[in-house]
Amino acid sequence: MERSDRAAGDDRSEGRMSESPLHALRDRIETLASESGSYYLVCARCGDRPVPAARLRFDSRAVARASPQT
């Protein structure tokens, strides 16, 4: 039997609690990005560009490195 608060669309249902921190992180990354930057983020393990920052560039290595930090 499912709890009634989940059936009613309570904000504490699965997936909802992590949205706010993820949106804040994405906003921070986008705020630090620059149209003319030469640096971008790459996963050190597999070489892929992470989705939140895949299309973004940064002015310096320090700014790029700091962007995903919370």
PDB file of N, CA and C in Angstrom:
ATOM      1  N   MET A   1       0.837  -1.173   0.000  1.00  0.00           N
ATOM      2  CA  MET A   1       0.000   0.000   0.000  1.00  0.00           C
ATOM      3  C   MET A   1       0.885   1.242   0.000  1.00  0.00           C
ATOM      4  N   GLU A   2       0.600   2.204  -0.847  1.00  0.00           N
ATOM      5  CA  GLU A   2       1.389   3.427  -0.984  1.00  0.00           C
ATOM      6  C   GLU A   2       0.918   4.472   0.012  1.00  0.00           C
ATOM      7  N   ARG A   3       1.852   5.214   0.553  1.00  0.00           N
ATOM      8  CA  ARG A   3       1.510   6.273   1.509  1.00  0.00           C
ATOM      9  C   ARG A   3       0.716   7.367   0.813  1.00  0.00           C
ATOM     10  N   SER A   4      -0.226   7.938   1.531  1.00  0.00           N
ATOM     11  CA  SER A   4      -1.111   8.939   0.938  1.00  0.00           C
ATOM     12  C   SER A   4      -0.390  10.228   0.573  1.00  0.00           C
ATOM     13  N   ASP A   5       0.663  10.627   1.337  1.00  0.00           N
ATOM     14  CA  ASP A   5       1.360  11.875   1.001  1.00  0.00           C
ATOM     15  C   ASP A   5       2.112  11.758  -0.324  1.00  0.00           C
ATOM     16  N   ARG A   6       2.582  10.577  -0.664  1.00  0.00           N
ATOM     17  CA  ARG A   6       3.249  10.386  -1.956  1.00  0.00           C
ATOM     18  C   ARG A   6       2.230  10.391  -3.078  1.00  0.00           C
ATOM     19  N   ALA A   7       1.089   9.801  -2.831  1.00  0.00           N
ATOM     20  CA  ALA A   7       0.046   9.764  -3.849  1.00  0.00           C
ATOM     21  C   ALA A   7      -0.487  11.163  -4.132  1.00  0.00           C
ATOM     22  N   ALA A   8      -0.440  12.025  -3.128  1.00  0.00           N
ATOM     23  CA  ALA A   8      -0.946  13.391  -3.287  1.00  0.00           C
ATOM     24  C   ALA A   8       0.098  14.311  -3.910  1.00  0.00           C
ATOM     25  N   GLY A   9       1.283  13.792  -4.216  1.00  0.00           N
ATOM     26  CA  GLY A   9       2.312  14.617  -4.859  1.00  0.00           C
ATOM     27  C   GLY A   9       3.144  15.416  -3.885  1.00  0.00           C
ATOM     28  N   ASP A  10       3.377  14.888  -2.697  1.00  0.00           N
ATOM     29  CA  ASP A  10       4.193  15.563  -1.692  1.00  0.00           C
ATOM     30  C   ASP A  10       5.590  15.818  -2.249  1.00  0.00           C
ATOM     31  N   ASP A  11       6.157  16.989  -1.986  1.00  0.00           N
ATOM     32  CA  ASP A  11       7.482  17.353  -2.496  1.00  0.00           C
ATOM     33  C   ASP A  11       8.596  16.482  -1.947  1.00  0.00           C
ATOM     34  N   ARG A  12       8.338  15.727  -0.910  1.00  0.00           N
ATOM     35  CA  ARG A  12       9.368  14.870  -0.341  1.00  0.00           C
ATOM     36  C   ARG A  12       9.423  13.519  -1.022  1.00  0.00           C
ATOM     37  N   SER A  13       8.669  13.313  -2.065  1.00  0.00           N
ATOM     38  CA  SER A  13       8.694  12.036  -2.777  1.00  0.00           C
ATOM     39  C   SER A  13      10.040  11.854  -3.470  1.00  0.00           C
ATOM     40  N   GLU A  14      10.304  10.649  -3.936  1.00  0.00           N
ATOM     41  CA  GLU A  14      11.601  10.330  -4.547  1.00  0.00           C
ATOM     42  C   GLU A  14      12.013  11.324  -5.618  1.00  0.00           C
ATOM     43  N   GLY A  15      13.296  11.704  -5.595  1.00  0.00           N
ATOM     44  CA  GLY A  15      13.831  12.574  -6.630  1.00  0.00           C
ATOM     45  C   GLY A  15      13.694  14.054  -6.346  1.00  0.00           C
ATOM     46  N   ARG A  16      12.780  14.443  -5.534  1.00  0.00           N
ATOM     47  CA  ARG A  16      12.531  15.864  -5.311  1.00  0.00           C
ATOM     48  C   ARG A  16      13.588  16.517  -4.427  1.00  0.00           C
ATOM     49  N   MET A  17      14.107  15.799  -3.445  1.00  0.00           N
ATOM     50  CA  MET A  17      15.028  16.412  -2.494  1.00  0.00           C
ATOM     51  C   MET A  17      16.341  16.817  -3.144  1.00  0.00           C
ATOM     52  N   SER A  18      16.766  16.154  -4.199  1.00  0.00           N
ATOM     53  CA  SER A  18      18.046  16.457  -4.816  1.00  0.00           C
ATOM     54  C   SER A  18      17.945  17.534  -5.895  1.00  0.00           C
ATOM     55  N   GLU A  19      16.760  17.928  -6.286  1.00  0.00           N
ATOM     56  CA  GLU A  19      16.626  18.913  -7.356  1.00  0.00           C
ATOM     57  C   GLU A  19      17.206  20.266  -6.976  1.00  0.00           C
ATOM     58  N   SER A  20      16.931  20.746  -5.811  1.00  0.00           N
ATOM     59  CA  SER A  20      17.382  22.072  -5.419  1.00  0.00           C
ATOM     60  C   SER A  20      18.909  22.185  -5.419  1.00  0.00           C
ATOM     61  N   PRO A  21      19.656  21.272  -4.777  1.00  0.00           N
ATOM     62  CA  PRO A  21      21.117  21.364  -4.822  1.00  0.00           C
ATOM     63  C   PRO A  21      21.680  21.226  -6.236  1.00  0.00           C
ATOM     64  N   LEU A  22      21.071  20.392  -7.058  1.00  0.00           N
ATOM     65  CA  LEU A  22      21.556  20.227  -8.425  1.00  0.00           C
ATOM     66  C   LEU A  22      21.310  21.475  -9.261  1.00  0.00           C
ATOM     67  N   HIS A  23      20.166  22.099  -9.063  1.00  0.00           N
ATOM     68  CA  HIS A  23      19.889  23.344  -9.779  1.00  0.00           C
ATOM     69  C   HIS A  23      20.851  24.437  -9.336  1.00  0.00           C
ATOM     70  N   ALA A  24      21.148  24.489  -8.042  1.00  0.00           N
ATOM     71  CA  ALA A  24      22.083  25.488  -7.519  1.00  0.00           C
ATOM     72  C   ALA A  24      23.478  25.270  -8.099  1.00  0.00           C
ATOM     73  N   LEU A  25      23.903  24.020  -8.200  1.00  0.00           N
ATOM     74  CA  LEU A  25      25.220  23.713  -8.769  1.00  0.00           C
ATOM     75  C   LEU A  25      25.276  24.086 -10.243  1.00  0.00           C
ATOM     76  N   ARG A  26      24.237  23.754 -10.981  1.00  0.00           N
ATOM     77  CA  ARG A  26      24.194  24.115 -12.407  1.00  0.00           C
ATOM     78  C   ARG A  26      24.236  25.634 -12.581  1.00  0.00           C
ATOM     79  N   ASP A  27      23.487  26.359 -11.746  1.00  0.00           N
ATOM     80  CA  ASP A  27      23.496  27.826 -11.811  1.00  0.00           C
ATOM     81  C   ASP A  27      24.884  28.378 -11.518  1.00  0.00           C
ATOM     82  N   ARG A  28      25.579  27.794 -10.526  1.00  0.00           N
ATOM     83  CA  ARG A  28      26.934  28.255 -10.178  1.00  0.00           C
ATOM     84  C   ARG A  28      27.891  28.030 -11.349  1.00  0.00           C
ATOM     85  N   ILE A  29      27.823  26.866 -11.957  1.00  0.00           N
ATOM     86  CA  ILE A  29      28.697  26.554 -13.089  1.00  0.00           C
ATOM     87  C   ILE A  29      28.441  27.524 -14.239  1.00  0.00           C
ATOM     88  N   GLU A  30      27.173  27.777 -14.538  1.00  0.00           N
ATOM     89  CA  GLU A  30      26.833  28.688 -15.637  1.00  0.00           C
ATOM     90  C   GLU A  30      27.243  30.120 -15.334  1.00  0.00           C
ATOM     91  N   THR A  31      27.193  30.529 -14.064  1.00  0.00           N
ATOM     92  CA  THR A  31      27.606  31.878 -13.670  1.00  0.00           C
ATOM     93  C   THR A  31      29.104  32.080 -13.883  1.00  0.00           C
ATOM     94  N   LEU A  32      29.898  31.053 -13.650  1.00  0.00           N
ATOM     95  CA  LEU A  32      31.354  31.157 -13.790  1.00  0.00           C
ATOM     96  C   LEU A  32      31.832  31.000 -15.236  1.00  0.00           C
ATOM     97  N   ALA A  33      30.974  30.541 -16.104  1.00  0.00           N
ATOM     98  CA  ALA A  33      31.358  30.312 -17.501  1.00  0.00           C
ATOM     99  C   ALA A  33      31.570  31.622 -18.248  1.00  0.00           C
ATOM    100  N   SER A  34      32.357  31.534 -19.325  1.00  0.00           N
ATOM    101  CA  SER A  34      32.677  32.695 -20.145  1.00  0.00           C
ATOM    102  C   SER A  34      32.546  32.322 -21.623  1.00  0.00           C
ATOM    103  N   GLU A  35      32.031  33.229 -22.407  1.00  0.00           N
ATOM    104  CA  GLU A  35      31.884  32.982 -23.855  1.00  0.00           C
ATOM    105  C   GLU A  35      33.241  32.844 -24.541  1.00  0.00           C
ATOM    106  N   SER A  36      34.247  33.557 -24.039  1.00  0.00           N
ATOM    107  CA  SER A  36      35.548  33.576 -24.704  1.00  0.00           C
ATOM    108  C   SER A  36      36.597  32.719 -24.001  1.00  0.00           C
ATOM    109  N   GLY A  37      36.201  31.904 -23.029  1.00  0.00           N
ATOM    110  CA  GLY A  37      37.159  31.113 -22.260  1.00  0.00           C
ATOM    111  C   GLY A  37      37.851  30.037 -23.074  1.00  0.00           C
ATOM    112  N   SER A  38      39.048  29.682 -22.634  1.00  0.00           N
ATOM    113  CA  SER A  38      39.844  28.653 -23.312  1.00  0.00           C
ATOM    114  C   SER A  38      39.814  27.315 -22.591  1.00  0.00           C
ATOM    115  N   TYR A  39      39.240  27.270 -21.393  1.00  0.00           N
ATOM    116  CA  TYR A  39      39.264  26.062 -20.575  1.00  0.00           C
ATOM    117  C   TYR A  39      37.871  25.460 -20.461  1.00  0.00           C
ATOM    118  N   TYR A  40      37.813  24.136 -20.342  1.00  0.00           N
ATOM    119  CA  TYR A  40      36.542  23.454 -20.145  1.00  0.00           C
ATOM    120  C   TYR A  40      36.769  22.262 -19.225  1.00  0.00           C
ATOM    121  N   LEU A  41      35.689  21.713 -18.692  1.00  0.00           N
ATOM    122  CA  LEU A  41      35.777  20.596 -17.757  1.00  0.00           C
ATOM    123  C   LEU A  41      35.816  19.270 -18.499  1.00  0.00           C
ATOM    124  N   VAL A  42      36.664  18.364 -18.001  1.00  0.00           N
ATOM    125  CA  VAL A  42      36.782  17.016 -18.552  1.00  0.00           C
ATOM    126  C   VAL A  42      36.948  16.055 -17.383  1.00  0.00           C
ATOM    127  N   CYS A  43      36.297  14.914 -17.449  1.00  0.00           N
ATOM    128  CA  CYS A  43      36.447  13.884 -16.431  1.00  0.00           C
ATOM    129  C   CYS A  43      37.861  13.309 -16.522  1.00  0.00           C
ATOM    130  N   ALA A  44      38.587  13.311 -15.412  1.00  0.00           N
ATOM    131  CA  ALA A  44      39.959  12.807 -15.400  1.00  0.00           C
ATOM    132  C   ALA A  44      40.016  11.301 -15.645  1.00  0.00           C
ATOM    133  N   ARG A  45      38.972  10.595 -15.305  1.00  0.00           N
ATOM    134  CA  ARG A  45      38.965   9.138 -15.443  1.00  0.00           C
ATOM    135  C   ARG A  45      38.640   8.678 -16.855  1.00  0.00           C
ATOM    136  N   CYS A  46      37.619   9.279 -17.480  1.00  0.00           N
ATOM    137  CA  CYS A  46      37.190   8.754 -18.786  1.00  0.00           C
ATOM    138  C   CYS A  46      37.340   9.755 -19.936  1.00  0.00           C
ATOM    139  N   GLY A  47      37.639  11.015 -19.632  1.00  0.00           N
ATOM    140  CA  GLY A  47      37.848  12.001 -20.681  1.00  0.00           C
ATOM    141  C   GLY A  47      36.596  12.650 -21.228  1.00  0.00           C
ATOM    142  N   ASP A  48      35.432  12.248 -20.718  1.00  0.00           N
ATOM    143  CA  ASP A  48      34.170  12.842 -21.168  1.00  0.00           C
ATOM    144  C   ASP A  48      33.945  14.202 -20.512  1.00  0.00           C
ATOM    145  N   ARG A  49      33.171  15.020 -21.172  1.00  0.00           N
ATOM    146  CA  ARG A  49      32.795  16.315 -20.607  1.00  0.00           C
ATOM    147  C   ARG A  49      31.491  16.144 -19.847  1.00  0.00           C
ATOM    148  N   PRO A  50      31.441  16.562 -18.576  1.00  0.00           N
ATOM    149  CA  PRO A  50      30.232  16.367 -17.777  1.00  0.00           C
ATOM    150  C   PRO A  50      29.047  17.163 -18.321  1.00  0.00           C
ATOM    151  N   VAL A  51      27.877  16.572 -18.281  1.00  0.00           N
ATOM    152  CA  VAL A  51      26.677  17.159 -18.875  1.00  0.00           C
ATOM    153  C   VAL A  51      26.388  18.585 -18.402  1.00  0.00           C
ATOM    154  N   PRO A  52      26.444  18.905 -17.119  1.00  0.00           N
ATOM    155  CA  PRO A  52      26.077  20.275 -16.745  1.00  0.00           C
ATOM    156  C   PRO A  52      26.979  21.343 -17.359  1.00  0.00           C
ATOM    157  N   ALA A  53      28.195  20.957 -17.734  1.00  0.00           N
ATOM    158  CA  ALA A  53      29.142  21.939 -18.252  1.00  0.00           C
ATOM    159  C   ALA A  53      29.668  21.581 -19.634  1.00  0.00           C
ATOM    160  N   ALA A  54      29.055  20.654 -20.315  1.00  0.00           N
ATOM    161  CA  ALA A  54      29.570  20.144 -21.585  1.00  0.00           C
ATOM    162  C   ALA A  54      29.749  21.224 -22.644  1.00  0.00           C
ATOM    163  N   ARG A  55      28.916  22.214 -22.659  1.00  0.00           N
ATOM    164  CA  ARG A  55      28.988  23.260 -23.688  1.00  0.00           C
ATOM    165  C   ARG A  55      29.637  24.547 -23.176  1.00  0.00           C
ATOM    166  N   LEU A  56      30.085  24.555 -21.917  1.00  0.00           N
ATOM    167  CA  LEU A  56      30.598  25.782 -21.304  1.00  0.00           C
ATOM    168  C   LEU A  56      32.116  25.849 -21.328  1.00  0.00           C
ATOM    169  N   ARG A  57      32.627  27.075 -21.366  1.00  0.00           N
ATOM    170  CA  ARG A  57      34.068  27.337 -21.290  1.00  0.00           C
ATOM    171  C   ARG A  57      34.318  28.329 -20.169  1.00  0.00           C
ATOM    172  N   PHE A  58      35.563  28.367 -19.688  1.00  0.00           N
ATOM    173  CA  PHE A  58      35.929  29.201 -18.550  1.00  0.00           C
ATOM    174  C   PHE A  58      37.189  29.992 -18.859  1.00  0.00           C
ATOM    175  N   ASP A  59      37.335  31.156 -18.214  1.00  0.00           N
ATOM    176  CA  ASP A  59      38.459  32.057 -18.480  1.00  0.00           C
ATOM    177  C   ASP A  59      39.808  31.512 -18.029  1.00  0.00           C
ATOM    178  N   SER A  60      39.828  30.733 -16.962  1.00  0.00           N
ATOM    179  CA  SER A  60      41.099  30.229 -16.449  1.00  0.00           C
ATOM    180  C   SER A  60      40.933  28.809 -15.922  1.00  0.00           C
ATOM    181  N   ARG A  61      42.054  28.145 -15.736  1.00  0.00           N
ATOM    182  CA  ARG A  61      42.029  26.798 -15.179  1.00  0.00           C
ATOM    183  C   ARG A  61      41.476  26.823 -13.760  1.00  0.00           C
ATOM    184  N   ALA A  62      41.838  27.833 -12.989  1.00  0.00           N
ATOM    185  CA  ALA A  62      41.356  27.945 -11.610  1.00  0.00           C
ATOM    186  C   ALA A  62      39.837  28.088 -11.555  1.00  0.00           C
ATOM    187  N   VAL A  63      39.271  28.895 -12.439  1.00  0.00           N
ATOM    188  CA  VAL A  63      37.816  29.069 -12.465  1.00  0.00           C
ATOM    189  C   VAL A  63      37.145  27.770 -12.905  1.00  0.00           C
ATOM    190  N   ALA A  64      37.683  27.107 -13.903  1.00  0.00           N
ATOM    191  CA  ALA A  64      37.117  25.834 -14.366  1.00  0.00           C
ATOM    192  C   ALA A  64      37.167  24.793 -13.256  1.00  0.00           C
ATOM    193  N   ARG A  65      38.277  24.731 -12.552  1.00  0.00           N
ATOM    194  CA  ARG A  65      38.436  23.766 -11.467  1.00  0.00           C
ATOM    195  C   ARG A  65      37.485  24.068 -10.312  1.00  0.00           C
ATOM    196  N   ALA A  66      37.244  25.338 -10.035  1.00  0.00           N
ATOM    197  CA  ALA A  66      36.372  25.732  -8.921  1.00  0.00           C
ATOM    198  C   ALA A  66      34.893  25.605  -9.256  1.00  0.00           C
ATOM    199  N   SER A  67      34.535  25.586 -10.518  1.00  0.00           N
ATOM    200  CA  SER A  67      33.121  25.633 -10.901  1.00  0.00           C
ATOM    201  C   SER A  67      32.271  24.491 -10.347  1.00  0.00           C
ATOM    202  N   PRO A  68      32.718  23.238 -10.322  1.00  0.00           N
ATOM    203  CA  PRO A  68      31.829  22.196  -9.793  1.00  0.00           C
ATOM    204  C   PRO A  68      31.858  22.068  -8.273  1.00  0.00           C
ATOM    205  N   GLN A  69      32.686  22.837  -7.604  1.00  0.00           N
ATOM    206  CA  GLN A  69      32.774  22.751  -6.147  1.00  0.00           C
ATOM    207  C   GLN A  69      31.560  23.395  -5.503  1.00  0.00           C
ATOM    208  N   THR A  70      31.053  22.771  -4.454  1.00  0.00           N
ATOM    209  CA  THR A  70      29.889  23.321  -3.752  1.00  0.00           C
ATOM    210  C   THR A  70      30.308  24.060  -2.520  1.00  0.00           C
TER     211      THR A  70
END
